[in-house]
PDB file of N, CA and C in Angstrom:
ATOM      1  N   UNK A   1      84.648 -14.580  26.604  1.00  0.00           N
ATOM      2  CA  UNK A   1      85.853 -14.004  27.169  1.00  0.00           C
ATOM      3  C   UNK A   1      87.025 -14.951  26.901  1.00  0.00           C
ATOM      4  N   UNK A   2      88.061 -14.466  26.304  1.00  0.00           N
ATOM      5  CA  UNK A   2      89.230 -15.284  25.974  1.00  0.00           C
ATOM      6  C   UNK A   2      90.105 -15.486  27.207  1.00  0.00           C
ATOM      7  N   UNK A   3      90.653 -16.698  27.313  1.00  0.00           N
ATOM      8  CA  UNK A   3      91.555 -17.000  28.417  1.00  0.00           C
ATOM      9  C   UNK A   3      92.932 -16.463  28.072  1.00  0.00           C
ATOM     10  N   UNK A   4      93.482 -15.658  28.959  1.00  0.00           N
ATOM     11  CA  UNK A   4      94.802 -15.077  28.724  1.00  0.00           C
ATOM     12  C   UNK A   4      95.858 -16.069  29.164  1.00  0.00           C
ATOM     13  N   UNK A   5      96.749 -16.399  28.257  1.00  0.00           N
ATOM     14  CA  UNK A   5      97.806 -17.356  28.547  1.00  0.00           C
ATOM     15  C   UNK A   5      98.948 -16.641  29.262  1.00  0.00           C
ATOM     16  N   UNK A   6      99.419 -17.254  30.362  1.00  0.00           N
ATOM     17  CA  UNK A   6     100.517 -16.662  31.109  1.00  0.00           C
ATOM     18  C   UNK A   6     101.829 -16.887  30.382  1.00  0.00           C
ATOM     19  N   UNK A   7     102.719 -15.926  30.527  1.00  0.00           N
ATOM     20  CA  UNK A   7     104.060 -16.046  29.959  1.00  0.00           C
ATOM     21  C   UNK A   7     104.783 -17.180  30.687  1.00  0.00           C
ATOM     22  N   UNK A   8     105.410 -18.042  29.921  1.00  0.00           N
ATOM     23  CA  UNK A   8     106.165 -19.140  30.511  1.00  0.00           C
ATOM     24  C   UNK A   8     107.407 -18.582  31.195  1.00  0.00           C
ATOM     25  N   UNK A   9     107.618 -18.981  32.423  1.00  0.00           N
ATOM     26  CA  UNK A   9     108.775 -18.494  33.170  1.00  0.00           C
ATOM     27  C   UNK A   9     110.033 -19.200  32.690  1.00  0.00           C
ATOM     28  N   UNK A  10     111.099 -18.435  32.606  1.00  0.00           N
ATOM     29  CA  UNK A  10     112.385 -19.009  32.235  1.00  0.00           C
ATOM     30  C   UNK A  10     113.024 -19.610  33.483  1.00  0.00           C
ATOM     31  N   UNK A  11     114.080 -20.394  33.274  1.00  0.00           N
ATOM     32  CA  UNK A  11     114.820 -20.960  34.403  1.00  0.00           C
ATOM     33  C   UNK A  11     115.343 -19.829  35.279  1.00  0.00           C
ATOM     34  N   UNK A  12     115.815 -18.762  34.669  1.00  0.00           N
ATOM     35  CA  UNK A  12     116.346 -17.631  35.436  1.00  0.00           C
ATOM     36  C   UNK A  12     115.270 -16.981  36.297  1.00  0.00           C
ATOM     37  N   UNK A  13     114.037 -16.912  35.776  1.00  0.00           N
ATOM     38  CA  UNK A  13     112.915 -16.379  36.564  1.00  0.00           C
ATOM     39  C   UNK A  13     112.702 -17.233  37.818  1.00  0.00           C
ATOM     40  N   UNK A  14     112.728 -18.548  37.638  1.00  0.00           N
ATOM     41  CA  UNK A  14     112.508 -19.472  38.750  1.00  0.00           C
ATOM     42  C   UNK A  14     113.644 -19.370  39.761  1.00  0.00           C
ATOM     43  N   UNK A  15     114.880 -19.311  39.275  1.00  0.00           N
ATOM     44  CA  UNK A  15     116.027 -19.174  40.189  1.00  0.00           C
ATOM     45  C   UNK A  15     115.883 -17.911  41.038  1.00  0.00           C
ATOM     46  N   UNK A  16     115.485 -16.828  40.397  1.00  0.00           N
ATOM     47  CA  UNK A  16     115.319 -15.557  41.116  1.00  0.00           C
ATOM     48  C   UNK A  16     114.215 -15.677  42.161  1.00  0.00           C
ATOM     49  N   UNK A  17     113.115 -16.333  41.786  1.00  0.00           N
ATOM     50  CA  UNK A  17     111.994 -16.478  42.705  1.00  0.00           C
ATOM     51  C   UNK A  17     112.376 -17.310  43.933  1.00  0.00           C
ATOM     52  N   UNK A  18     113.230 -18.312  43.739  1.00  0.00           N
ATOM     53  CA  UNK A  18     113.684 -19.156  44.845  1.00  0.00           C
ATOM     54  C   UNK A  18     114.918 -18.592  45.548  1.00  0.00           C
ATOM     55  N   UNK A  19     115.499 -17.540  45.001  1.00  0.00           N
ATOM     56  CA  UNK A  19     116.694 -16.965  45.609  1.00  0.00           C
ATOM     57  C   UNK A  19     117.941 -17.808  45.393  1.00  0.00           C
ATOM     58  N   UNK A  20     117.990 -18.514  44.266  1.00  0.00           N
ATOM     59  CA  UNK A  20     119.132 -19.370  43.943  1.00  0.00           C
ATOM     60  C   UNK A  20     120.136 -18.546  43.139  1.00  0.00           C
ATOM     61  N   UNK A  21     121.321 -18.368  43.695  1.00  0.00           N
ATOM     62  CA  UNK A  21     122.352 -17.565  43.050  1.00  0.00           C
ATOM     63  C   UNK A  21     123.082 -18.316  41.941  1.00  0.00           C
ATOM     64  N   UNK A  22     123.893 -17.575  41.189  1.00  0.00           N
ATOM     65  CA  UNK A  22     124.621 -18.164  40.060  1.00  0.00           C
ATOM     66  C   UNK A  22     125.646 -19.198  40.507  1.00  0.00           C
ATOM     67  N   UNK A  23     126.129 -19.094  41.742  1.00  0.00           N
ATOM     68  CA  UNK A  23     127.135 -20.030  42.221  1.00  0.00           C
ATOM     69  C   UNK A  23     126.562 -21.350  42.727  1.00  0.00           C
ATOM     70  N   UNK A  24     125.249 -21.437  42.878  1.00  0.00           N
ATOM     71  CA  UNK A  24     124.625 -22.651  43.400  1.00  0.00           C
ATOM     72  C   UNK A  24     124.291 -23.603  42.243  1.00  0.00           C
ATOM     73  N   UNK A  25     125.339 -24.175  41.679  1.00  0.00           N
ATOM     74  CA  UNK A  25     125.212 -24.995  40.473  1.00  0.00           C
ATOM     75  C   UNK A  25     124.346 -26.231  40.713  1.00  0.00           C
ATOM     76  N   UNK A  26     124.542 -26.904  41.849  1.00  0.00           N
ATOM     77  CA  UNK A  26     123.781 -28.125  42.129  1.00  0.00           C
ATOM     78  C   UNK A  26     122.281 -27.836  42.198  1.00  0.00           C
ATOM     79  N   UNK A  27     121.901 -26.774  42.890  1.00  0.00           N
ATOM     80  CA  UNK A  27     120.482 -26.438  43.008  1.00  0.00           C
ATOM     81  C   UNK A  27     119.910 -26.036  41.656  1.00  0.00           C
ATOM     82  N   UNK A  28     120.680 -25.326  40.859  1.00  0.00           N
ATOM     83  CA  UNK A  28     120.215 -24.942  39.521  1.00  0.00           C
ATOM     84  C   UNK A  28     119.992 -26.176  38.647  1.00  0.00           C
ATOM     85  N   UNK A  29     120.900 -27.146  38.736  1.00  0.00           N
ATOM     86  CA  UNK A  29     120.726 -28.386  37.960  1.00  0.00           C
ATOM     87  C   UNK A  29     119.487 -29.140  38.432  1.00  0.00           C
ATOM     88  N   UNK A  30     119.290 -29.182  39.740  1.00  0.00           N
ATOM     89  CA  UNK A  30     118.126 -29.851  40.303  1.00  0.00           C
ATOM     90  C   UNK A  30     116.834 -29.202  39.813  1.00  0.00           C
ATOM     91  N   UNK A  31     116.758 -27.882  39.877  1.00  0.00           N
ATOM     92  CA  UNK A  31     115.557 -27.165  39.448  1.00  0.00           C
ATOM     93  C   UNK A  31     115.310 -27.363  37.955  1.00  0.00           C
ATOM     94  N   UNK A  32     116.354 -27.271  37.156  1.00  0.00           N
ATOM     95  CA  UNK A  32     116.187 -27.491  35.701  1.00  0.00           C
ATOM     96  C   UNK A  32     115.662 -28.892  35.430  1.00  0.00           C
ATOM     97  N   UNK A  33     116.236 -29.873  36.115  1.00  0.00           N
ATOM     98  CA  UNK A  33     115.800 -31.253  35.924  1.00  0.00           C
ATOM     99  C   UNK A  33     114.352 -31.454  36.337  1.00  0.00           C
ATOM    100  N   UNK A  34     113.966 -30.877  37.464  1.00  0.00           N
ATOM    101  CA  UNK A  34     112.588 -31.008  37.934  1.00  0.00           C
ATOM    102  C   UNK A  34     111.616 -30.340  36.970  1.00  0.00           C
ATOM    103  N   UNK A  35     111.998 -29.208  36.432  1.00  0.00           N
ATOM    104  CA  UNK A  35     111.128 -28.519  35.466  1.00  0.00           C
ATOM    105  C   UNK A  35     110.946 -29.366  34.211  1.00  0.00           C
ATOM    106  N   UNK A  36     112.029 -30.011  33.757  1.00  0.00           N
ATOM    107  CA  UNK A  36     111.917 -30.885  32.571  1.00  0.00           C
ATOM    108  C   UNK A  36     110.994 -32.065  32.860  1.00  0.00           C
ATOM    109  N   UNK A  37     111.144 -32.676  34.044  1.00  0.00           N
ATOM    110  CA  UNK A  37     110.270 -33.794  34.417  1.00  0.00           C
ATOM    111  C   UNK A  37     108.810 -33.358  34.476  1.00  0.00           C
ATOM    112  N   UNK A  38     108.562 -32.236  35.124  1.00  0.00           N
ATOM    113  CA  UNK A  38     107.188 -31.742  35.237  1.00  0.00           C
ATOM    114  C   UNK A  38     106.579 -31.498  33.866  1.00  0.00           C
ATOM    115  N   UNK A  39     107.353 -30.923  32.970  1.00  0.00           N
ATOM    116  CA  UNK A  39     106.859 -30.649  31.621  1.00  0.00           C
ATOM    117  C   UNK A  39     106.488 -31.950  30.915  1.00  0.00           C
ATOM    118  N   UNK A  40     107.334 -32.964  31.075  1.00  0.00           N
ATOM    119  CA  UNK A  40     107.049 -34.261  30.446  1.00  0.00           C
ATOM    120  C   UNK A  40     105.793 -34.887  31.031  1.00  0.00           C
ATOM    121  N   UNK A  41     105.608 -34.787  32.353  1.00  0.00           N
ATOM    122  CA  UNK A  41     104.406 -35.329  32.982  1.00  0.00           C
ATOM    123  C   UNK A  41     103.154 -34.640  32.438  1.00  0.00           C
ATOM    124  N   UNK A  42     103.185 -33.307  32.364  1.00  0.00           N
ATOM    125  CA  UNK A  42     102.030 -32.577  31.861  1.00  0.00           C
ATOM    126  C   UNK A  42     101.727 -32.950  30.407  1.00  0.00           C
ATOM    127  N   UNK A  43     102.754 -33.033  29.582  1.00  0.00           N
ATOM    128  CA  UNK A  43     102.537 -33.376  28.175  1.00  0.00           C
ATOM    129  C   UNK A  43     102.012 -34.811  28.024  1.00  0.00           C
ATOM    130  N   UNK A  44     102.513 -35.722  28.851  1.00  0.00           N
ATOM    131  CA  UNK A  44     102.051 -37.108  28.821  1.00  0.00           C
ATOM    132  C   UNK A  44     100.587 -37.189  29.231  1.00  0.00           C
ATOM    133  N   UNK A  45     100.243 -36.525  30.331  1.00  0.00           N
ATOM    134  CA  UNK A  45      98.844 -36.525  30.770  1.00  0.00           C
ATOM    135  C   UNK A  45      97.933 -35.917  29.713  1.00  0.00           C
ATOM    136  N   UNK A  46      98.392 -34.857  29.084  1.00  0.00           N
ATOM    137  CA  UNK A  46      97.611 -34.202  28.033  1.00  0.00           C
ATOM    138  C   UNK A  46      97.364 -35.164  26.866  1.00  0.00           C
ATOM    139  N   UNK A  47      98.390 -35.898  26.461  1.00  0.00           N
ATOM    140  CA  UNK A  47      98.258 -36.852  25.354  1.00  0.00           C
ATOM    141  C   UNK A  47      97.293 -37.987  25.719  1.00  0.00           C
ATOM    142  N   UNK A  48      97.393 -38.483  26.944  1.00  0.00           N
ATOM    143  CA  UNK A  48      96.500 -39.553  27.391  1.00  0.00           C
ATOM    144  C   UNK A  48      95.057 -39.060  27.417  1.00  0.00           C
ATOM    145  N   UNK A  49      94.842 -37.883  27.976  1.00  0.00           N
ATOM    146  CA  UNK A  49      93.485 -37.333  28.038  1.00  0.00           C
ATOM    147  C   UNK A  49      92.918 -37.106  26.642  1.00  0.00           C
ATOM    148  N   UNK A  50      93.722 -36.575  25.733  1.00  0.00           N
ATOM    149  CA  UNK A  50      93.265 -36.353  24.354  1.00  0.00           C
ATOM    150  C   UNK A  50      92.858 -37.672  23.707  1.00  0.00           C
ATOM    151  N   UNK A  51      93.648 -38.706  23.924  1.00  0.00           N
ATOM    152  CA  UNK A  51      93.352 -40.018  23.343  1.00  0.00           C
ATOM    153  C   UNK A  51      92.060 -40.602  23.927  1.00  0.00           C
ATOM    154  N   UNK A  52      91.905 -40.493  25.233  1.00  0.00           N
ATOM    155  CA  UNK A  52      90.710 -41.046  25.877  1.00  0.00           C
ATOM    156  C   UNK A  52      89.433 -40.312  25.469  1.00  0.00           C
ATOM    157  N   UNK A  53      89.537 -39.025  25.133  1.00  0.00           N
ATOM    158  CA  UNK A  53      88.359 -38.240  24.740  1.00  0.00           C
ATOM    159  C   UNK A  53      87.913 -38.532  23.306  1.00  0.00           C
ATOM    160  N   UNK A  54      88.807 -39.084  22.487  1.00  0.00           N
ATOM    161  CA  UNK A  54      88.466 -39.335  21.081  1.00  0.00           C
ATOM    162  C   UNK A  54      87.274 -40.283  20.990  1.00  0.00           C
ATOM    163  N   UNK A  55      86.358 -39.932  20.134  1.00  0.00           N
ATOM    164  CA  UNK A  55      85.217 -40.791  19.863  1.00  0.00           C
ATOM    165  C   UNK A  55      84.103 -40.717  20.902  1.00  0.00           C
ATOM    166  N   UNK A  56      84.251 -39.889  21.899  1.00  0.00           N
ATOM    167  CA  UNK A  56      83.191 -39.765  22.903  1.00  0.00           C
ATOM    168  C   UNK A  56      82.055 -38.920  22.351  1.00  0.00           C
ATOM    169  N   UNK A  57      80.848 -39.411  22.511  1.00  0.00           N
ATOM    170  CA  UNK A  57      79.687 -38.633  22.092  1.00  0.00           C
ATOM    171  C   UNK A  57      79.217 -37.736  23.236  1.00  0.00           C
ATOM    172  N   UNK A  58      79.399 -38.212  24.457  1.00  0.00           N
ATOM    173  CA  UNK A  58      79.034 -37.448  25.654  1.00  0.00           C
ATOM    174  C   UNK A  58      80.300 -37.260  26.477  1.00  0.00           C
ATOM    175  N   UNK A  59      80.623 -36.023  26.844  1.00  0.00           N
ATOM    176  CA  UNK A  59      81.840 -35.795  27.621  1.00  0.00           C
ATOM    177  C   UNK A  59      81.826 -36.557  28.950  1.00  0.00           C
ATOM    178  N   UNK A  60      82.917 -37.208  29.249  1.00  0.00           N
ATOM    179  CA  UNK A  60      83.071 -37.931  30.509  1.00  0.00           C
ATOM    180  C   UNK A  60      83.507 -36.932  31.583  1.00  0.00           C
ATOM    181  N   UNK A  61      82.727 -36.823  32.637  1.00  0.00           N
ATOM    182  CA  UNK A  61      82.992 -35.828  33.679  1.00  0.00           C
ATOM    183  C   UNK A  61      84.334 -36.049  34.372  1.00  0.00           C
ATOM    184  N   UNK A  62      84.717 -37.304  34.558  1.00  0.00           N
ATOM    185  CA  UNK A  62      86.009 -37.594  35.201  1.00  0.00           C
ATOM    186  C   UNK A  62      87.161 -37.112  34.328  1.00  0.00           C
ATOM    187  N   UNK A  63      87.037 -37.292  33.001  1.00  0.00           N
ATOM    188  CA  UNK A  63      88.083 -36.815  32.095  1.00  0.00           C
ATOM    189  C   UNK A  63      88.128 -35.300  32.056  1.00  0.00           C
ATOM    190  N   UNK A  64      86.967 -34.668  32.082  1.00  0.00           N
ATOM    191  CA  UNK A  64      86.937 -33.209  32.097  1.00  0.00           C
ATOM    192  C   UNK A  64      87.587 -32.669  33.373  1.00  0.00           C
ATOM    193  N   UNK A  65      87.338 -33.331  34.492  1.00  0.00           N
ATOM    194  CA  UNK A  65      87.947 -32.913  35.754  1.00  0.00           C
ATOM    195  C   UNK A  65      89.465 -33.098  35.699  1.00  0.00           C
ATOM    196  N   UNK A  66      89.910 -34.240  35.165  1.00  0.00           N
ATOM    197  CA  UNK A  66      91.351 -34.498  35.049  1.00  0.00           C
ATOM    198  C   UNK A  66      92.009 -33.475  34.132  1.00  0.00           C
ATOM    199  N   UNK A  67      91.321 -33.126  33.052  1.00  0.00           N
ATOM    200  CA  UNK A  67      91.847 -32.133  32.116  1.00  0.00           C
ATOM    201  C   UNK A  67      91.988 -30.772  32.806  1.00  0.00           C
ATOM    202  N   UNK A  68      91.003 -30.398  33.594  1.00  0.00           N
ATOM    203  CA  UNK A  68      91.058 -29.123  34.312  1.00  0.00           C
ATOM    204  C   UNK A  68      92.201 -29.122  35.335  1.00  0.00           C
ATOM    205  N   UNK A  69      92.388 -30.226  36.037  1.00  0.00           N
ATOM    206  CA  UNK A  69      93.472 -30.338  37.012  1.00  0.00           C
ATOM    207  C   UNK A  69      94.835 -30.212  36.349  1.00  0.00           C
ATOM    208  N   UNK A  70      94.929 -30.651  35.101  1.00  0.00           N
ATOM    209  CA  UNK A  70      96.201 -30.636  34.382  1.00  0.00           C
ATOM    210  C   UNK A  70      96.487 -29.294  33.718  1.00  0.00           C
ATOM    211  N   UNK A  71      95.561 -28.343  33.830  1.00  0.00           N
ATOM    212  CA  UNK A  71      95.729 -27.050  33.158  1.00  0.00           C
ATOM    213  C   UNK A  71      96.859 -26.212  33.721  1.00  0.00           C
ATOM    214  N   UNK A  72      97.200 -26.368  34.960  1.00  0.00           N
ATOM    215  CA  UNK A  72      98.235 -25.521  35.534  1.00  0.00           C
ATOM    216  C   UNK A  72      98.898 -26.166  36.728  1.00  0.00           C
ATOM    217  N   UNK A  73      99.894 -25.500  37.212  1.00  0.00           N
ATOM    218  CA  UNK A  73     100.637 -25.975  38.387  1.00  0.00           C
ATOM    219  C   UNK A  73      99.755 -25.773  39.611  1.00  0.00           C
ATOM    220  N   UNK A  74      99.570 -26.827  40.430  1.00  0.00           N
ATOM    221  CA  UNK A  74      98.764 -26.649  41.629  1.00  0.00           C
ATOM    222  C   UNK A  74      99.440 -25.702  42.612  1.00  0.00           C
ATOM    223  N   UNK A  75      98.659 -24.875  43.257  1.00  0.00           N
ATOM    224  CA  UNK A  75      99.219 -23.947  44.234  1.00  0.00           C
ATOM    225  C   UNK A  75      99.920 -22.793  43.561  1.00  0.00           C
ATOM    226  N   UNK A  76     100.808 -22.171  44.296  1.00  0.00           N
ATOM    227  CA  UNK A  76     101.551 -21.020  43.793  1.00  0.00           C
ATOM    228  C   UNK A  76     102.945 -21.430  43.339  1.00  0.00           C
ATOM    229  N   UNK A  77     103.020 -22.310  42.349  1.00  0.00           N
ATOM    230  CA  UNK A  77     104.301 -22.772  41.848  1.00  0.00           C
ATOM    231  C   UNK A  77     105.039 -21.703  41.076  1.00  0.00           C
ATOM    232  N   UNK A  78     106.347 -21.797  41.024  1.00  0.00           N
ATOM    233  CA  UNK A  78     107.149 -20.795  40.321  1.00  0.00           C
ATOM    234  C   UNK A  78     107.167 -20.992  38.810  1.00  0.00           C
ATOM    235  N   UNK A  79     106.514 -21.989  38.289  1.00  0.00           N
ATOM    236  CA  UNK A  79     106.517 -22.258  36.859  1.00  0.00           C
ATOM    237  C   UNK A  79     107.327 -23.490  36.574  1.00  0.00           C
ATOM    238  N   UNK A  80     106.763 -24.373  35.783  1.00  0.00           N
ATOM    239  CA  UNK A  80     107.445 -25.629  35.535  1.00  0.00           C
ATOM    240  C   UNK A  80     107.644 -25.901  34.061  1.00  0.00           C
ATOM    241  N   UNK A  81     107.625 -24.885  33.240  1.00  0.00           N
ATOM    242  CA  UNK A  81     107.854 -25.095  31.808  1.00  0.00           C
ATOM    243  C   UNK A  81     106.705 -25.776  31.127  1.00  0.00           C
ATOM    244  N   UNK A  82     105.501 -25.559  31.581  1.00  0.00           N
ATOM    245  CA  UNK A  82     104.339 -26.214  30.982  1.00  0.00           C
ATOM    246  C   UNK A  82     104.129 -25.730  29.580  1.00  0.00           C
TER     247      UNK A  82
END
């Protein structure tokens, strides 16, 4: 069974979900910045995990668990540009 990839939410989708209007410039900047940070964290963790898995003959359970945790936003997040 193939895993269906979710559509990445746009900034506008997130603003709508949080009820942030077009006039709330500060909150929009904050949300955009947080989404960029989250994306960088996920990509960094992904790169570290990929590097640590290289050359392993037997999968390390701790790395597999960390990889699974990094697959998505914990909880019911509005989307972080993953």
